[in-house]
Amino acid sequence: MTADDIRVTGGAGAVRGHGGRPARAVVVGGGLAGVTSALQLAEAGVRVTLLEGRPRLGGLAFSFKRGDLTVDNGQHVYLRCCTAYRWFLERVGGAHLAPVQRRLDVPVLDVGRQAGPRLGRLRRSALPVPLHLAASLATYPHLSLGERAGVARAALALKKLDPADPALDGIDFGTWLGRHGQSARTVEALWDLVGVATLNAVAPDASMGLAAKVFKTGLLSENGAADIGWAHVPLGELHDTLARKALDALGVRTELRAKAERITRGDDGRWSVTLPGETLEADAVVLAVPQREARELLPDGALDDPDRLLDIGTAPILNVHVVYDRKVLRRPFFTAIGSPVQWVFDRTESSGLTGPGQYLAVSQSAAQDEIDEPVAVLRERYLPELERLLPAARGAGVRDFFVTRERTATFAPTPGVGRLRPGARTRAPGLYLAGAWTATGWPATMEGAVRSGFSAAGAALSALGRHYDHPLQEAA
């Protein structure tokens, strides 16, 4: 594409493409990455069509109906440091529906002790980093005095690391923790407590680069960076209903149950996206689909080694859903050690459950060993565990028990994955990649997905001659 092919109008006017026509873009994939790309392109004046093969937007963070309940497929949380996802919530008008804790406060219940269950808390104070966690660590009952001192030393060493250092991507988090004196108990009661939920991998299976990103950004960057936020409404209200409303307001054409079958580039430099019964022409195409689907759609020559996308593995997440006939949990959430149960959230109000009872969602990350277990087996395993963790559940009636499984919930954050993750730009002019699996510097989170949408939209607008103001005022 040359300067003669483009006419750029100033302000919020339409971007011009080939032959002086208004520029058009097709975004393939309606998850957070695709919706973000579409919003950014449309706001810049590009005419956008968004294609999603499923009957709703939201990708792998969605809701569905089960009787009278509205159920999230999994429990998704974010941190205050997730500035891109917070931008997304603000942009679609849903920030008040997914608030962040006033201060980090995580109840941690240890039921593996011979002396009986014991509750501890991971909390922050108003002191500056790293003192904001000092009091909590000093009184954390699940570690010995020596182990707490070891955590402090490891945190100081971690603070000095650059998560973008390629050398860190080549080693695993477990090895690094071992080199820095972290006991197996410390890994279980602290590092994996956070790491499994954010990385979707235990420490020996996680890239040190990604682990450093999580812990340095979340715990060691700003005082409130690790404060936890989560949706107090069904995810579908945020990622589908409100997102669709924002897209409609910008004139984005959104097509559901519309799966792209082929993408080709013509001799004139324009792109054709073929789907059943229609072919769309575009000046720019954003592929915001999982890595394997992207590989299938990529035209020849778009990447130097497209098969490397197939080397980016996937990791599952299992969610166990239990509806009791009475209230059994007083807190909004807690996490456990000494138990197969990881994190438990109260989803009663958000699901629309009426009458007496309580609906709990048990989120199990890095669930390779359980993802294909029959529901009956999981029921026999998790109901007694919940009774062990929650005395009020003993004797309570179970009105419903069901399981949701995301076998490819995230990309696997294994050592070396960083060199496999491509950037937004491809070798084919006008074709861009988005998705949490691309080179965002973040693990597979909602934050990474939105950031990838920024990068793809920014690259497309730059090629079309439109200046791009990154929403976070940082390099895309």
Protein backbone atom coordinates (compact mmCIF):
# COMPACT_ATOMS: atom_id res chain seq x y z
CA MET A 1 0.00 0.00 0.00
CA THR A 2 1.40 3.41 -0.89
CA ALA A 3 0.53 6.93 0.14
CA ASP A 4 -1.43 7.31 -3.10
CA ASP A 5 -3.72 4.50 -2.01
CA ILE A 6 -4.80 6.29 1.16
CA ARG A 7 -6.62 9.48 1.92
CA VAL A 8 -6.78 10.24 5.64
CA THR A 9 -9.31 12.67 6.99
CA GLY A 10 -8.60 14.57 10.19
CA GLY A 11 -10.33 14.36 13.53
CA ALA A 12 -12.88 11.59 13.90
CA GLY A 13 -13.64 11.39 10.18
CA ALA A 14 -13.58 8.18 8.18
CA VAL A 15 -10.25 6.57 7.34
CA ARG A 16 -9.82 6.14 3.59
CA GLY A 17 -8.52 2.99 1.97
CA HIS A 18 -7.82 1.83 -1.57
CA GLY A 19 -9.23 4.06 -4.28
CA GLY A 20 -10.30 6.68 -1.76
CA ARG A 21 -13.10 4.50 -0.41
CA PRO A 22 -13.85 4.53 3.32
CA ALA A 23 -11.53 1.98 4.93
CA ARG A 24 -13.13 -1.29 5.95
CA ALA A 25 -11.94 -3.88 8.43
CA VAL A 26 -13.10 -7.36 9.28
CA VAL A 27 -12.42 -8.68 12.77
CA VAL A 28 -12.65 -12.46 13.01
CA GLY A 29 -13.47 -13.49 16.58
CA GLY A 30 -15.77 -11.89 19.14
CA GLY A 31 -13.86 -12.49 22.36
CA LEU A 32 -12.34 -9.66 24.37
CA ALA A 33 -9.48 -9.27 21.90
CA GLY A 34 -11.78 -9.04 18.89
CA VAL A 35 -14.30 -6.74 20.54
CA THR A 36 -11.49 -4.43 21.67
CA SER A 37 -10.02 -4.32 18.16
CA ALA A 38 -13.43 -3.58 16.67
CA LEU A 39 -14.13 -0.80 19.17
CA GLN A 40 -10.78 0.85 18.56
CA LEU A 41 -11.00 0.64 14.77
CA ALA A 42 -14.56 1.91 14.66
CA GLU A 43 -13.81 4.82 16.98
CA ALA A 44 -11.05 5.85 14.56
CA GLY A 45 -13.48 5.98 11.66
CA VAL A 46 -13.01 2.55 10.08
CA ARG A 47 -16.11 0.65 8.95
CA VAL A 48 -15.95 -2.61 10.89
CA THR A 49 -17.59 -6.00 10.55
CA LEU A 50 -17.13 -8.35 13.51
CA LEU A 51 -17.57 -12.08 12.88
CA GLU A 52 -18.16 -14.56 15.70
CA GLY A 53 -18.86 -18.24 15.16
CA ARG A 54 -20.68 -18.67 18.46
CA PRO A 55 -24.19 -17.34 19.15
CA ARG A 56 -22.79 -14.69 21.53
CA LEU A 57 -19.79 -12.48 22.18
CA GLY A 58 -17.32 -12.95 25.00
CA GLY A 59 -15.07 -15.78 23.85
CA LEU A 60 -14.20 -18.05 26.77
CA ALA A 61 -15.60 -15.67 29.40
CA PHE A 62 -19.34 -16.07 28.95
CA SER A 63 -22.62 -16.99 30.60
CA PHE A 64 -25.40 -19.46 29.86
CA LYS A 65 -28.82 -20.35 31.25
CA ARG A 66 -29.40 -23.40 33.43
CA GLY A 67 -33.02 -23.43 34.42
CA ASP A 68 -33.65 -20.17 36.26
CA LEU A 69 -29.94 -19.57 36.86
CA THR A 70 -27.58 -17.51 34.74
CA VAL A 71 -24.25 -19.29 35.06
CA ASP A 72 -20.74 -18.16 34.15
CA ASN A 73 -18.74 -20.88 32.42
CA GLY A 74 -15.96 -20.14 34.91
CA GLN A 75 -15.00 -17.75 37.67
CA HIS A 76 -12.97 -14.89 36.17
CA VAL A 77 -11.24 -12.25 38.27
CA TYR A 78 -8.88 -9.40 37.54
CA LEU A 79 -6.55 -7.17 39.54
CA ARG A 80 -6.39 -3.42 39.96
CA CYS A 81 -3.17 -3.47 37.91
CA CYS A 82 -5.15 -4.84 34.93
CA THR A 83 -5.53 -1.40 33.42
CA ALA A 84 -6.51 -2.63 29.95
CA TYR A 85 -9.40 -4.77 31.19
CA ARG A 86 -10.50 -1.93 33.45
CA TRP A 87 -10.52 0.30 30.35
CA PHE A 88 -12.73 -2.30 28.64
CA LEU A 89 -15.19 -2.30 31.52
CA GLU A 90 -15.34 1.49 31.49
CA ARG A 91 -15.71 1.58 27.71
CA VAL A 92 -18.74 -0.72 27.68
CA GLY A 93 -20.27 0.94 30.74
CA GLY A 94 -19.79 -1.97 33.11
CA ALA A 95 -17.10 -0.90 35.59
CA HIS A 96 -19.62 -0.49 38.41
CA LEU A 97 -20.80 -4.05 37.81
CA ALA A 98 -17.34 -5.55 38.41
CA PRO A 99 -15.86 -3.55 41.30
CA VAL A 100 -12.44 -4.02 42.84
CA GLN A 101 -11.84 -4.68 46.53
CA ARG A 102 -11.08 -1.57 48.58
CA ARG A 103 -7.94 -3.39 49.72
CA LEU A 104 -6.50 -6.81 48.93
CA ASP A 105 -7.94 -9.34 51.38
CA VAL A 106 -7.77 -13.06 50.61
CA PRO A 107 -8.98 -15.58 53.21
CA VAL A 108 -6.77 -18.71 53.05
CA LEU A 109 -8.09 -21.79 54.82
CA ASP A 110 -5.66 -24.61 55.62
CA VAL A 111 -7.43 -27.91 56.28
CA GLY A 112 -4.35 -30.11 55.97
CA ARG A 113 -3.17 -29.53 59.54
CA GLN A 114 -3.35 -32.36 62.06
CA ALA A 115 -4.40 -29.80 64.67
CA GLY A 116 -7.44 -28.88 62.61
CA PRO A 117 -8.40 -26.17 60.09
CA ARG A 118 -6.83 -22.75 60.39
CA LEU A 119 -7.72 -19.52 58.66
CA GLY A 120 -5.09 -17.04 57.52
CA ARG A 121 -5.31 -13.91 55.40
CA LEU A 122 -3.25 -12.26 52.73
CA ARG A 123 -3.91 -8.56 53.10
CA ARG A 124 -2.24 -5.29 52.25
CA SER A 125 -1.94 -2.11 54.24
CA ALA A 126 -1.75 1.50 53.10
CA LEU A 127 2.05 1.50 53.37
CA PRO A 128 4.19 1.84 50.24
CA VAL A 129 5.59 -1.14 48.32
CA PRO A 130 7.00 -3.51 49.56
CA LEU A 131 5.95 -2.65 53.13
CA HIS A 132 2.28 -2.91 52.15
CA LEU A 133 2.46 -6.71 52.53
CA ALA A 134 4.94 -6.86 55.40
CA ALA A 135 2.43 -7.07 58.25
CA SER A 136 0.36 -9.72 56.48
CA LEU A 137 3.41 -11.83 55.71
CA ALA A 138 4.74 -11.48 59.24
CA THR A 139 1.53 -12.91 60.68
CA TYR A 140 0.68 -15.40 57.92
CA PRO A 141 0.01 -18.55 59.96
CA HIS A 142 0.51 -21.07 57.17
CA LEU A 143 4.29 -20.53 57.02
CA SER A 144 7.00 -20.77 59.66
CA LEU A 145 9.02 -17.75 60.70
CA GLY A 146 11.94 -18.94 58.59
CA GLU A 147 9.72 -19.52 55.56
CA ARG A 148 8.26 -16.02 55.86
CA ALA A 149 11.75 -14.54 55.93
CA GLY A 150 12.60 -16.62 52.86
CA VAL A 151 9.59 -15.23 51.02
CA ALA A 152 10.75 -11.69 51.72
CA ARG A 153 14.21 -12.46 50.31
CA ALA A 154 12.74 -14.09 47.20
CA ALA A 155 10.40 -11.13 46.66
CA LEU A 156 13.33 -8.72 46.75
CA ALA A 157 15.17 -10.87 44.20
CA LEU A 158 12.08 -11.04 42.01
CA LYS A 159 11.66 -7.27 42.13
CA LYS A 160 15.04 -6.90 40.39
CA LEU A 161 14.04 -9.06 37.42
CA ASP A 162 12.92 -7.87 33.99
CA PRO A 163 9.96 -10.07 32.93
CA ALA A 164 10.80 -9.33 29.28
CA ASP A 165 14.29 -10.84 29.61
CA PRO A 166 14.32 -13.80 27.14
CA ALA A 167 16.53 -15.78 29.52
CA LEU A 168 13.70 -15.89 32.07
CA ASP A 169 11.36 -17.41 29.52
CA GLY A 170 13.66 -20.41 29.21
CA ILE A 171 13.52 -21.52 32.86
CA ASP A 172 10.60 -22.60 34.99
CA PHE A 173 9.26 -20.80 38.02
CA GLY A 174 9.70 -23.84 40.25
CA THR A 175 13.41 -24.02 39.54
CA TRP A 176 13.82 -20.32 40.29
CA LEU A 177 11.93 -20.66 43.57
CA GLY A 178 14.10 -23.62 44.57
CA ARG A 179 17.26 -21.65 43.84
CA HIS A 180 15.96 -18.92 46.11
CA GLY A 181 15.31 -21.17 49.08
CA GLN A 182 11.56 -21.62 48.82
CA SER A 183 10.32 -24.78 50.52
CA ALA A 184 7.63 -27.05 49.10
CA ARG A 185 5.30 -25.73 51.79
CA THR A 186 6.02 -22.11 50.81
CA VAL A 187 5.29 -22.88 47.17
CA GLU A 188 1.97 -24.52 48.10
CA ALA A 189 0.83 -21.95 50.65
CA LEU A 190 1.86 -18.81 48.79
CA TRP A 191 3.49 -18.90 45.35
CA ASP A 192 1.20 -21.52 43.77
CA LEU A 193 -1.79 -20.13 45.64
CA VAL A 194 -1.47 -17.04 43.44
CA GLY A 195 0.42 -18.50 40.48
CA VAL A 196 -1.94 -21.36 39.64
CA ALA A 197 -4.92 -19.00 39.52
CA THR A 198 -3.17 -16.40 37.35
CA LEU A 199 -0.90 -18.56 35.18
CA ASN A 200 -3.03 -21.72 34.98
CA ALA A 201 0.03 -23.80 35.81
CA VAL A 202 1.93 -25.00 38.85
CA ALA A 203 5.37 -23.47 39.38
CA PRO A 204 7.44 -26.23 37.67
CA ASP A 205 5.29 -25.91 34.52
CA ALA A 206 5.34 -22.10 34.27
CA SER A 207 7.71 -19.81 32.43
CA MET A 208 9.71 -17.72 34.87
CA GLY A 209 9.20 -14.73 32.61
CA LEU A 210 5.42 -14.94 32.90
CA ALA A 211 5.61 -15.66 36.63
CA ALA A 212 7.81 -12.60 37.10
CA LYS A 213 5.27 -10.54 35.18
CA VAL A 214 2.43 -11.66 37.44
CA PHE A 215 4.19 -11.26 40.78
CA LYS A 216 6.21 -8.16 39.97
CA THR A 217 3.24 -6.31 38.47
CA GLY A 218 0.62 -7.55 40.90
CA LEU A 219 2.50 -7.54 44.20
CA LEU A 220 5.54 -5.35 43.78
CA SER A 221 4.59 -2.46 41.49
CA GLU A 222 2.03 -0.33 43.35
CA ASN A 223 0.35 -0.49 46.72
CA GLY A 224 -3.07 -1.53 45.44
CA ALA A 225 -2.03 -3.40 42.31
CA ALA A 226 -3.20 -6.81 43.57
CA ASP A 227 -6.63 -5.74 44.81
CA ILE A 228 -9.09 -8.23 43.30
CA GLY A 229 -12.08 -7.41 41.14
CA TRP A 230 -14.78 -9.69 39.77
CA ALA A 231 -18.14 -9.43 38.07
CA HIS A 232 -21.14 -9.07 40.37
CA VAL A 233 -23.38 -9.81 37.39
CA PRO A 234 -23.19 -12.61 34.82
CA LEU A 235 -20.18 -12.23 32.54
CA GLY A 236 -22.50 -12.27 29.56
CA GLU A 237 -23.95 -8.96 30.67
CA LEU A 238 -20.50 -7.38 30.41
CA HIS A 239 -18.83 -9.22 27.55
CA ASP A 240 -21.89 -9.78 25.36
CA THR A 241 -24.83 -7.47 26.16
CA LEU A 242 -22.92 -4.30 27.04
CA ALA A 243 -20.17 -5.00 24.52
CA ARG A 244 -22.73 -5.43 21.76
CA LYS A 245 -24.40 -2.17 22.77
CA ALA A 246 -21.06 -0.32 22.55
CA LEU A 247 -20.33 -1.85 19.15
CA ASP A 248 -23.78 -0.99 17.84
CA ALA A 249 -23.36 2.62 18.95
CA LEU A 250 -20.26 2.87 16.75
CA GLY A 251 -21.98 1.33 13.75
CA VAL A 252 -20.08 -1.97 13.89
CA ARG A 253 -21.82 -4.73 11.99
CA THR A 254 -21.75 -7.74 14.30
CA GLU A 255 -22.51 -11.14 12.84
CA LEU A 256 -23.00 -14.08 15.20
CA ARG A 257 -22.91 -17.72 14.11
CA ALA A 258 -20.69 -16.46 11.29
CA LYS A 259 -17.51 -18.51 10.90
CA ALA A 260 -14.81 -17.32 8.53
CA GLU A 261 -13.77 -20.10 6.15
CA ARG A 262 -11.00 -18.49 4.13
CA ILE A 263 -8.96 -15.29 3.99
CA THR A 264 -7.23 -14.23 0.78
CA ARG A 265 -5.45 -11.10 -0.46
CA GLY A 266 -6.17 -9.84 -3.95
CA ASP A 267 -3.76 -8.34 -6.45
CA ASP A 268 -5.05 -4.90 -5.52
CA GLY A 269 -3.96 -5.38 -1.89
CA ARG A 270 -7.48 -5.72 -0.50
CA TRP A 271 -8.56 -8.70 1.55
CA SER A 272 -11.47 -11.08 1.04
CA VAL A 273 -12.99 -12.93 3.99
CA THR A 274 -15.18 -15.81 2.92
CA LEU A 275 -17.94 -17.14 5.13
CA PRO A 276 -20.99 -19.25 4.24
CA GLY A 277 -23.09 -17.33 1.73
CA GLU A 278 -21.02 -14.14 1.70
CA THR A 279 -17.60 -12.71 0.94
CA LEU A 280 -16.50 -9.53 2.70
CA GLU A 281 -13.94 -7.12 1.26
CA ALA A 282 -11.61 -5.26 3.61
CA ASP A 283 -8.51 -3.11 3.79
CA ALA A 284 -7.55 -4.72 7.09
CA VAL A 285 -8.31 -8.04 8.75
CA VAL A 286 -7.75 -8.87 12.42
CA LEU A 287 -7.64 -12.56 13.33
CA ALA A 288 -8.73 -12.64 16.97
CA VAL A 289 -9.23 -16.39 17.29
CA PRO A 290 -7.33 -19.16 19.14
CA GLN A 291 -3.91 -20.03 17.81
CA ARG A 292 -4.91 -23.24 16.07
CA GLU A 293 -7.83 -21.58 14.32
CA ALA A 294 -5.57 -18.70 13.33
CA ARG A 295 -3.11 -21.17 11.81
CA GLU A 296 -5.87 -22.66 9.67
CA LEU A 297 -6.90 -19.25 8.34
CA LEU A 298 -3.47 -17.71 7.77
CA PRO A 299 -2.59 -17.37 4.08
CA ASP A 300 0.78 -18.62 2.88
CA GLY A 301 3.65 -16.35 3.78
CA ALA A 302 1.83 -14.46 6.53
CA LEU A 303 4.27 -15.77 9.16
CA ASP A 304 7.79 -17.08 8.74
CA ASP A 305 6.93 -20.33 10.50
CA PRO A 306 3.18 -20.54 11.02
CA ASP A 307 3.40 -24.06 12.43
CA ARG A 308 5.02 -22.59 15.53
CA LEU A 309 1.51 -21.54 16.52
CA LEU A 310 0.70 -25.23 16.91
CA ASP A 311 3.54 -25.54 19.42
CA ILE A 312 1.76 -23.12 21.76
CA GLY A 313 0.04 -25.60 24.02
CA THR A 314 -3.23 -25.22 25.90
CA ALA A 315 -4.20 -25.69 29.53
CA PRO A 316 -7.63 -26.59 30.97
CA ILE A 317 -9.76 -25.09 33.72
CA LEU A 318 -12.51 -27.00 35.50
CA ASN A 319 -15.37 -25.37 37.38
CA VAL A 320 -17.56 -27.20 39.86
CA HIS A 321 -20.95 -25.60 40.59
CA VAL A 322 -22.97 -26.44 43.71
CA VAL A 323 -26.34 -25.05 44.71
CA TYR A 324 -27.17 -25.67 48.38
CA ASP A 325 -30.55 -25.35 50.05
CA ARG A 326 -29.13 -22.97 52.65
CA LYS A 327 -26.32 -20.47 53.16
CA VAL A 328 -23.05 -22.25 53.87
CA LEU A 329 -20.46 -19.52 53.16
CA ARG A 330 -20.47 -16.05 54.76
CA ARG A 331 -17.60 -14.58 52.73
CA PRO A 332 -17.69 -13.60 49.04
CA PHE A 333 -14.80 -15.98 48.34
CA PHE A 334 -11.92 -17.89 49.89
CA THR A 335 -9.06 -20.11 48.80
CA ALA A 336 -7.80 -23.33 50.36
CA ILE A 337 -4.60 -25.26 50.92
CA GLY A 338 -4.29 -28.86 52.06
CA SER A 339 -7.31 -29.61 49.87
CA PRO A 340 -7.98 -30.28 46.20
CA VAL A 341 -10.30 -27.25 46.31
CA GLN A 342 -8.57 -24.10 45.04
CA TRP A 343 -10.86 -21.02 44.99
CA VAL A 344 -14.53 -20.84 45.99
CA PHE A 345 -16.82 -17.93 45.09
CA ASP A 346 -20.36 -17.11 46.15
CA ARG A 347 -22.33 -16.58 42.91
CA THR A 348 -25.79 -16.58 44.47
CA GLU A 349 -26.82 -13.02 43.68
CA SER A 350 -25.16 -12.75 40.29
CA SER A 351 -26.80 -15.95 39.07
CA GLY A 352 -30.30 -14.80 39.93
CA LEU A 353 -30.90 -17.55 42.47
CA THR A 354 -34.07 -16.78 44.36
CA GLY A 355 -35.44 -18.10 47.62
CA PRO A 356 -33.36 -19.83 50.26
CA GLY A 357 -30.09 -21.38 49.28
CA GLN A 358 -26.62 -20.50 48.05
CA TYR A 359 -24.76 -21.10 44.81
CA LEU A 360 -20.99 -21.68 45.04
CA ALA A 361 -18.56 -21.89 42.13
CA VAL A 362 -15.34 -23.82 42.67
CA SER A 363 -12.62 -22.76 40.23
CA GLN A 364 -9.93 -25.35 39.52
CA SER A 365 -7.04 -24.18 37.35
CA ALA A 366 -4.30 -26.40 35.89
CA ALA A 367 -6.91 -29.18 35.90
CA GLN A 368 -5.20 -31.61 33.53
CA ASP A 369 -5.80 -34.55 35.87
CA GLU A 370 -9.51 -33.85 36.32
CA ILE A 371 -10.78 -32.21 33.17
CA ASP A 372 -12.27 -35.44 31.77
CA GLU A 373 -13.45 -36.99 35.02
CA PRO A 374 -17.15 -37.95 35.04
CA VAL A 375 -19.49 -35.68 36.95
CA ALA A 376 -20.28 -38.49 39.39
CA VAL A 377 -16.60 -38.84 40.29
CA LEU A 378 -16.21 -35.11 40.77
CA ARG A 379 -19.32 -35.01 42.93
CA GLU A 380 -17.94 -37.73 45.20
CA ARG A 381 -14.68 -35.81 45.49
CA TYR A 382 -15.80 -32.21 45.92
CA LEU A 383 -18.93 -32.38 48.03
CA PRO A 384 -17.08 -33.99 50.97
CA GLU A 385 -14.24 -31.49 50.52
CA LEU A 386 -16.62 -28.56 50.69
CA GLU A 387 -18.10 -30.04 53.86
CA ARG A 388 -14.60 -30.30 55.29
CA LEU A 389 -13.92 -26.66 54.43
CA LEU A 390 -17.36 -25.32 55.33
CA PRO A 391 -18.92 -26.86 58.45
CA ALA A 392 -22.27 -25.26 57.55
CA ALA A 393 -22.38 -27.42 54.42
CA ARG A 394 -22.54 -30.58 56.53
CA GLY A 395 -26.11 -31.74 56.38
CA ALA A 396 -27.11 -29.11 53.84
CA GLY A 397 -29.16 -30.30 50.90
CA VAL A 398 -27.64 -30.12 47.42
CA ARG A 399 -30.21 -28.74 45.02
CA ASP A 400 -27.93 -28.91 42.00
CA PHE A 401 -24.42 -30.05 41.12
CA PHE A 402 -22.90 -29.57 37.70
CA VAL A 403 -19.55 -29.06 36.02
CA THR A 404 -18.26 -26.79 33.26
CA ARG A 405 -15.06 -27.63 31.43
CA GLU A 406 -12.82 -25.48 29.29
CA ARG A 407 -10.26 -27.92 27.90
CA THR A 408 -8.39 -25.19 26.07
CA ALA A 409 -9.10 -22.37 28.52
CA THR A 410 -5.70 -20.70 28.15
CA PHE A 411 -2.44 -21.10 26.33
CA ALA A 412 -0.01 -23.16 28.39
CA PRO A 413 2.55 -20.82 30.00
CA THR A 414 5.37 -23.32 29.67
CA PRO A 415 9.05 -22.34 29.63
CA GLY A 416 9.97 -21.22 26.11
CA VAL A 417 6.46 -20.18 25.11
CA GLY A 418 7.55 -16.57 24.78
CA ARG A 419 9.56 -17.22 21.61
CA LEU A 420 6.50 -18.85 20.03
CA ARG A 421 4.06 -15.98 20.61
CA PRO A 422 3.78 -13.72 17.53
CA GLY A 423 3.22 -9.98 17.57
CA ALA A 424 0.19 -8.23 16.10
CA ARG A 425 1.76 -7.62 12.68
CA THR A 426 2.17 -10.36 10.11
CA ARG A 427 4.24 -10.40 6.91
CA ALA A 428 1.04 -9.86 4.94
CA PRO A 429 0.19 -6.12 4.76
CA GLY A 430 -3.21 -5.50 6.30
CA LEU A 431 -3.42 -8.77 8.25
CA TYR A 432 -3.07 -8.66 12.04
CA LEU A 433 -3.27 -11.08 14.97
CA ALA A 434 -4.97 -10.61 18.33
CA GLY A 435 -5.63 -12.87 21.28
CA ALA A 436 -4.22 -13.48 24.73
CA TRP A 437 -1.82 -16.00 23.15
CA THR A 438 -0.03 -13.32 21.12
CA ALA A 439 3.04 -11.46 22.40
CA THR A 440 1.43 -9.26 25.05
CA GLY A 441 3.97 -9.96 27.80
CA TRP A 442 1.08 -11.18 29.97
CA PRO A 443 -0.18 -14.69 30.66
CA ALA A 444 -3.53 -15.80 29.27
CA THR A 445 -5.76 -13.34 31.08
CA MET A 446 -8.58 -10.97 30.19
CA GLU A 447 -5.97 -8.24 30.56
CA GLY A 448 -3.74 -9.84 27.92
CA ALA A 449 -6.67 -10.29 25.55
CA VAL A 450 -7.64 -6.60 25.69
CA ARG A 451 -4.03 -5.51 25.30
CA SER A 452 -3.72 -7.65 22.19
CA GLY A 453 -6.78 -5.91 20.78
CA PHE A 454 -5.08 -2.55 21.31
CA SER A 455 -1.96 -3.77 19.52
CA ALA A 456 -3.82 -5.15 16.49
CA ALA A 457 -6.00 -2.06 16.10
CA GLY A 458 -3.01 0.24 16.53
CA ALA A 459 -1.01 -1.62 13.88
CA ALA A 460 -3.93 -1.55 11.43
CA LEU A 461 -4.58 2.16 11.92
CA SER A 462 -0.90 2.98 11.54
CA ALA A 463 -0.81 1.16 8.20
CA LEU A 464 -3.91 3.09 7.12
CA GLY A 465 -2.20 6.36 7.96
CA ARG A 466 -4.24 7.14 11.04
CA HIS A 467 -2.45 8.27 14.21
CA TYR A 468 -3.33 5.95 17.07
CA ASP A 469 -3.61 7.22 20.63
CA HIS A 470 -3.14 4.18 22.81
CA PRO A 471 -5.87 4.14 25.49
CA LEU A 472 -3.31 3.45 28.21
CA GLN A 473 -0.84 6.05 26.91
CA GLU A 474 1.90 3.50 26.51
CA ALA A 475 3.49 1.63 23.66
CA ALA A 476 1.14 -0.87 22.06
